[in-house]
Amino acid sequence: MYEDKTSKVYAAYAKDELLRLSSSSGGVFSLLAEQILSQGGVVYGVALSSDCKSAEFIRVDQLRELFKLRGSKYLQAETGGTYDQVRADLEAGLKVLFSGVGCQINGLKLFLQRNYDNLFCVDVICHGVPSPVLWRKYVEHMQKQNEARLVLVNFRCKDKSWQDFGMKELDENKKEVYISKDADPFMQMFLRNYSLRPSCYECTAKK
């Protein structure tokens, strides 16, 4: 006899439309993060570097900095000394919200070597990640083409629609460029699985 071991699943989204539009999907991460911050905790997530050429984990302890962690970044993020920081915050008794893809959360838990009641993890469903080198070359190409340095990138801009999303880029001259996912070369390589890292095809975190 078949035994259904499916866990309960809940769906949710933020009621604030502006928050949903600035997020990749429903904005639930921001709501969870706001709750942790309101209790004096800290939040870890991925932000683009100031030159937009890489992604990295950062620590946020102020609500005004939370915008940096919103939205998807479709490239591999550098962890640096993040795991050490997380452990120090946990040992100090702070509530910690850590958001990342499965392999990054697995890595954190293996690093910590124990469970913490004050650690809350948000596991992002992962499509796989392109090489950081490919993204850097893309940014350099766009900057050369537009003759201006990029200062902001929205990988999943929904200005036109939620289904037909695209890449929105802002340069140092405040010029905005929107490129549909069907036209942007980086997004096409990513969505068609042409540029994923080989290790993503043997991912153990998805099991």
Protein backbone atom coordinates (compact mmCIF):
# COMPACT_ATOMS: atom_id res chain seq x y z
CA MET A 1 0.00 0.00 0.00
CA TYR A 2 1.34 3.43 -0.97
CA GLU A 3 2.10 5.70 1.97
CA ASP A 4 2.00 9.43 1.26
CA LYS A 5 4.88 11.08 3.11
CA THR A 6 4.45 14.48 1.48
CA SER A 7 5.07 17.36 3.87
CA LYS A 8 2.62 20.21 4.18
CA VAL A 9 3.21 22.97 1.66
CA TYR A 10 2.06 26.55 2.00
CA ALA A 11 1.98 29.30 -0.61
CA ALA A 12 2.23 32.97 0.28
CA TYR A 13 3.04 36.38 -1.15
CA ALA A 14 3.49 39.91 0.12
CA LYS A 15 0.41 42.13 -0.05
CA ASP A 16 2.61 45.14 -0.88
CA GLU A 17 2.66 45.31 -4.70
CA LEU A 18 5.82 47.43 -4.82
CA LEU A 19 7.60 44.85 -2.67
CA ARG A 20 6.51 42.05 -5.02
CA LEU A 21 7.69 44.00 -8.06
CA SER A 22 11.12 44.58 -6.49
CA SER A 23 11.39 40.87 -5.63
CA SER A 24 11.83 37.90 -7.94
CA SER A 25 8.52 36.31 -7.01
CA GLY A 26 6.20 36.90 -4.06
CA GLY A 27 8.42 38.88 -1.71
CA VAL A 28 8.16 36.37 1.15
CA PHE A 29 11.91 36.51 1.84
CA SER A 30 11.64 40.21 2.68
CA LEU A 31 8.78 39.56 5.09
CA LEU A 32 10.78 36.87 6.89
CA ALA A 33 13.85 39.08 6.96
CA GLU A 34 11.90 42.03 8.37
CA GLN A 35 10.62 39.81 11.18
CA ILE A 36 14.14 38.66 12.09
CA LEU A 37 15.50 42.22 11.98
CA SER A 38 12.64 43.49 14.16
CA GLN A 39 13.80 41.04 16.84
CA GLY A 40 17.38 42.32 16.76
CA GLY A 41 18.61 39.55 14.49
CA VAL A 42 20.69 39.60 11.33
CA VAL A 43 20.12 38.47 7.75
CA TYR A 44 22.57 36.94 5.29
CA GLY A 45 21.93 36.85 1.57
CA VAL A 46 23.42 37.57 -1.83
CA ALA A 47 24.06 41.04 -3.25
CA LEU A 48 25.74 42.25 -6.41
CA SER A 49 29.14 43.86 -5.93
CA SER A 50 29.40 47.63 -6.40
CA ASP A 51 30.83 47.16 -9.92
CA CYS A 52 28.08 44.63 -10.81
CA LYS A 53 30.72 42.14 -11.95
CA SER A 54 30.23 39.57 -9.18
CA ALA A 55 27.88 38.44 -6.44
CA GLU A 56 28.72 37.96 -2.79
CA PHE A 57 27.12 37.11 0.53
CA ILE A 58 26.68 40.08 2.84
CA ARG A 59 25.39 40.59 6.38
CA VAL A 60 22.46 42.95 6.91
CA ASP A 61 21.39 44.22 10.33
CA GLN A 62 19.41 47.30 9.27
CA LEU A 63 16.06 47.38 7.47
CA ARG A 64 17.29 50.10 5.09
CA GLU A 65 19.95 47.74 3.71
CA LEU A 66 17.56 44.86 3.00
CA PHE A 67 16.92 45.97 -0.60
CA LYS A 68 20.41 44.73 -1.55
CA LEU A 69 19.33 41.14 -0.95
CA ARG A 70 16.08 41.27 -2.92
CA GLY A 71 15.83 39.72 -6.36
CA SER A 72 17.64 36.83 -8.01
CA LYS A 73 21.28 37.02 -9.04
CA TYR A 74 21.87 34.42 -11.72
CA LEU A 75 25.52 33.69 -11.02
CA GLN A 76 27.55 31.92 -8.35
CA ALA A 77 28.01 34.00 -5.21
CA GLU A 78 31.26 34.19 -3.23
CA THR A 79 30.89 33.13 0.40
CA GLY A 80 34.21 34.54 1.64
CA GLY A 81 34.21 34.54 5.44
CA THR A 82 30.41 34.43 5.68
CA TYR A 83 30.19 31.08 7.46
CA ASP A 84 32.56 32.29 10.20
CA GLN A 85 30.42 35.41 10.63
CA VAL A 86 27.24 33.35 10.87
CA ARG A 87 28.73 31.13 13.56
CA ALA A 88 29.89 34.13 15.57
CA ASP A 89 26.40 35.67 15.42
CA LEU A 90 24.78 32.38 16.42
CA GLU A 91 27.17 31.91 19.35
CA ALA A 92 26.36 35.49 20.41
CA GLY A 93 22.71 34.47 20.66
CA LEU A 94 21.43 36.47 17.69
CA LYS A 95 18.66 35.17 15.50
CA VAL A 96 20.13 34.54 12.04
CA LEU A 97 18.27 34.23 8.74
CA PHE A 98 20.44 32.74 6.01
CA SER A 99 19.18 32.67 2.42
CA GLY A 100 20.93 30.74 -0.33
CA VAL A 101 20.66 27.86 -2.76
CA GLY A 102 20.72 24.29 -1.50
CA CYS A 103 24.46 23.69 -1.78
CA GLN A 104 25.26 26.91 0.11
CA ILE A 105 22.91 26.00 2.95
CA ASN A 106 24.30 22.46 3.04
CA GLY A 107 27.78 23.95 3.17
CA LEU A 108 26.84 26.19 6.08
CA LYS A 109 25.33 23.34 8.10
CA LEU A 110 28.34 21.11 7.47
CA PHE A 111 30.61 23.97 8.55
CA LEU A 112 28.66 24.60 11.76
CA GLN A 113 28.72 20.89 12.73
CA ARG A 114 25.72 21.33 15.05
CA ASN A 115 22.13 22.55 15.06
CA TYR A 116 21.21 26.00 16.33
CA ASP A 117 17.69 26.92 17.44
CA ASN A 118 18.37 30.55 16.44
CA LEU A 119 19.30 29.70 12.81
CA PHE A 120 16.61 30.01 10.14
CA CYS A 121 17.41 29.01 6.57
CA VAL A 122 15.58 30.00 3.38
CA ASP A 123 16.46 27.48 0.69
CA VAL A 124 16.11 29.04 -2.77
CA ILE A 125 15.03 26.62 -5.50
CA CYS A 126 18.01 26.49 -7.84
CA HIS A 127 18.10 26.24 -11.63
CA GLY A 128 21.88 25.86 -11.60
CA VAL A 129 24.49 28.62 -11.85
CA PRO A 130 26.66 29.96 -14.68
CA SER A 131 30.34 30.62 -14.16
CA PRO A 132 31.15 34.02 -12.57
CA VAL A 133 33.65 34.55 -15.40
CA LEU A 134 30.87 34.41 -18.00
CA TRP A 135 28.86 37.05 -16.11
CA ARG A 136 31.89 39.32 -15.76
CA LYS A 137 32.54 39.13 -19.50
CA TYR A 138 28.89 39.94 -20.16
CA VAL A 139 29.05 43.05 -17.93
CA GLU A 140 32.26 44.20 -19.61
CA HIS A 141 30.66 43.71 -23.03
CA MET A 142 27.57 45.74 -22.08
CA GLN A 143 29.67 48.51 -20.59
CA LYS A 144 31.78 48.73 -23.74
CA GLN A 145 28.67 48.71 -25.92
CA ASN A 146 26.93 51.46 -23.91
CA GLU A 147 30.15 53.35 -23.09
CA ALA A 148 29.17 53.61 -19.43
CA ARG A 149 29.72 51.69 -16.21
CA LEU A 150 26.84 49.60 -14.84
CA VAL A 151 25.70 50.47 -11.32
CA LEU A 152 22.55 48.35 -10.97
CA VAL A 153 21.14 45.17 -12.56
CA ASN A 154 17.69 43.64 -12.14
CA PHE A 155 17.86 40.09 -13.48
CA ARG A 156 14.11 39.55 -13.35
CA CYS A 157 12.49 42.89 -14.13
CA LYS A 158 8.70 42.60 -14.42
CA ASP A 159 7.90 46.08 -15.74
CA LYS A 160 6.24 44.61 -18.84
CA SER A 161 4.76 41.48 -17.30
CA TRP A 162 5.47 38.68 -14.83
CA GLN A 163 5.78 36.12 -17.63
CA ASP A 164 7.79 38.17 -20.12
CA PHE A 165 10.42 39.34 -17.67
CA GLY A 166 13.75 40.76 -18.73
CA MET A 167 17.07 42.25 -17.68
CA LYS A 168 17.02 45.89 -16.61
CA GLU A 169 20.37 47.66 -16.37
CA LEU A 170 21.13 51.11 -15.00
CA ASP A 171 24.40 52.84 -15.86
CA GLU A 172 26.35 55.63 -14.19
CA ASN A 173 24.61 58.21 -16.40
CA LYS A 174 21.21 57.09 -15.02
CA LYS A 175 20.33 55.56 -18.38
CA GLU A 176 18.09 52.51 -18.15
CA VAL A 177 18.23 49.64 -20.62
CA TYR A 178 15.62 46.88 -20.64
CA ILE A 179 16.31 43.66 -22.57
CA SER A 180 13.71 40.90 -22.80
CA LYS A 181 14.78 37.47 -21.55
CA ASP A 182 14.16 36.27 -25.11
CA ALA A 183 16.71 38.73 -26.50
CA ASP A 184 19.39 39.02 -23.83
CA PRO A 185 22.30 36.65 -24.63
CA PHE A 186 23.19 35.92 -21.01
CA MET A 187 19.61 35.07 -20.05
CA GLN A 188 19.20 32.90 -23.13
CA MET A 189 22.32 30.89 -22.29
CA PHE A 190 21.17 30.56 -18.68
CA LEU A 191 17.54 29.60 -19.35
CA ARG A 192 18.51 27.08 -22.03
CA ASN A 193 21.11 25.45 -19.73
CA TYR A 194 24.00 26.28 -22.06
CA SER A 195 26.14 27.91 -19.39
CA LEU A 196 25.55 25.99 -16.16
CA ARG A 197 28.55 24.73 -14.23
CA PRO A 198 29.22 20.98 -14.74
CA SER A 199 28.92 20.37 -11.00
CA CYS A 200 25.29 21.55 -11.10
CA TYR A 201 24.36 18.48 -13.17
CA GLU A 202 25.61 16.26 -10.33
CA CYS A 203 24.12 18.31 -7.51
CA THR A 204 23.70 16.39 -4.24
CA ALA A 205 21.72 19.18 -2.56
CA LYS A 206 18.63 18.45 -4.64
CA LYS A 207 18.35 14.88 -3.37
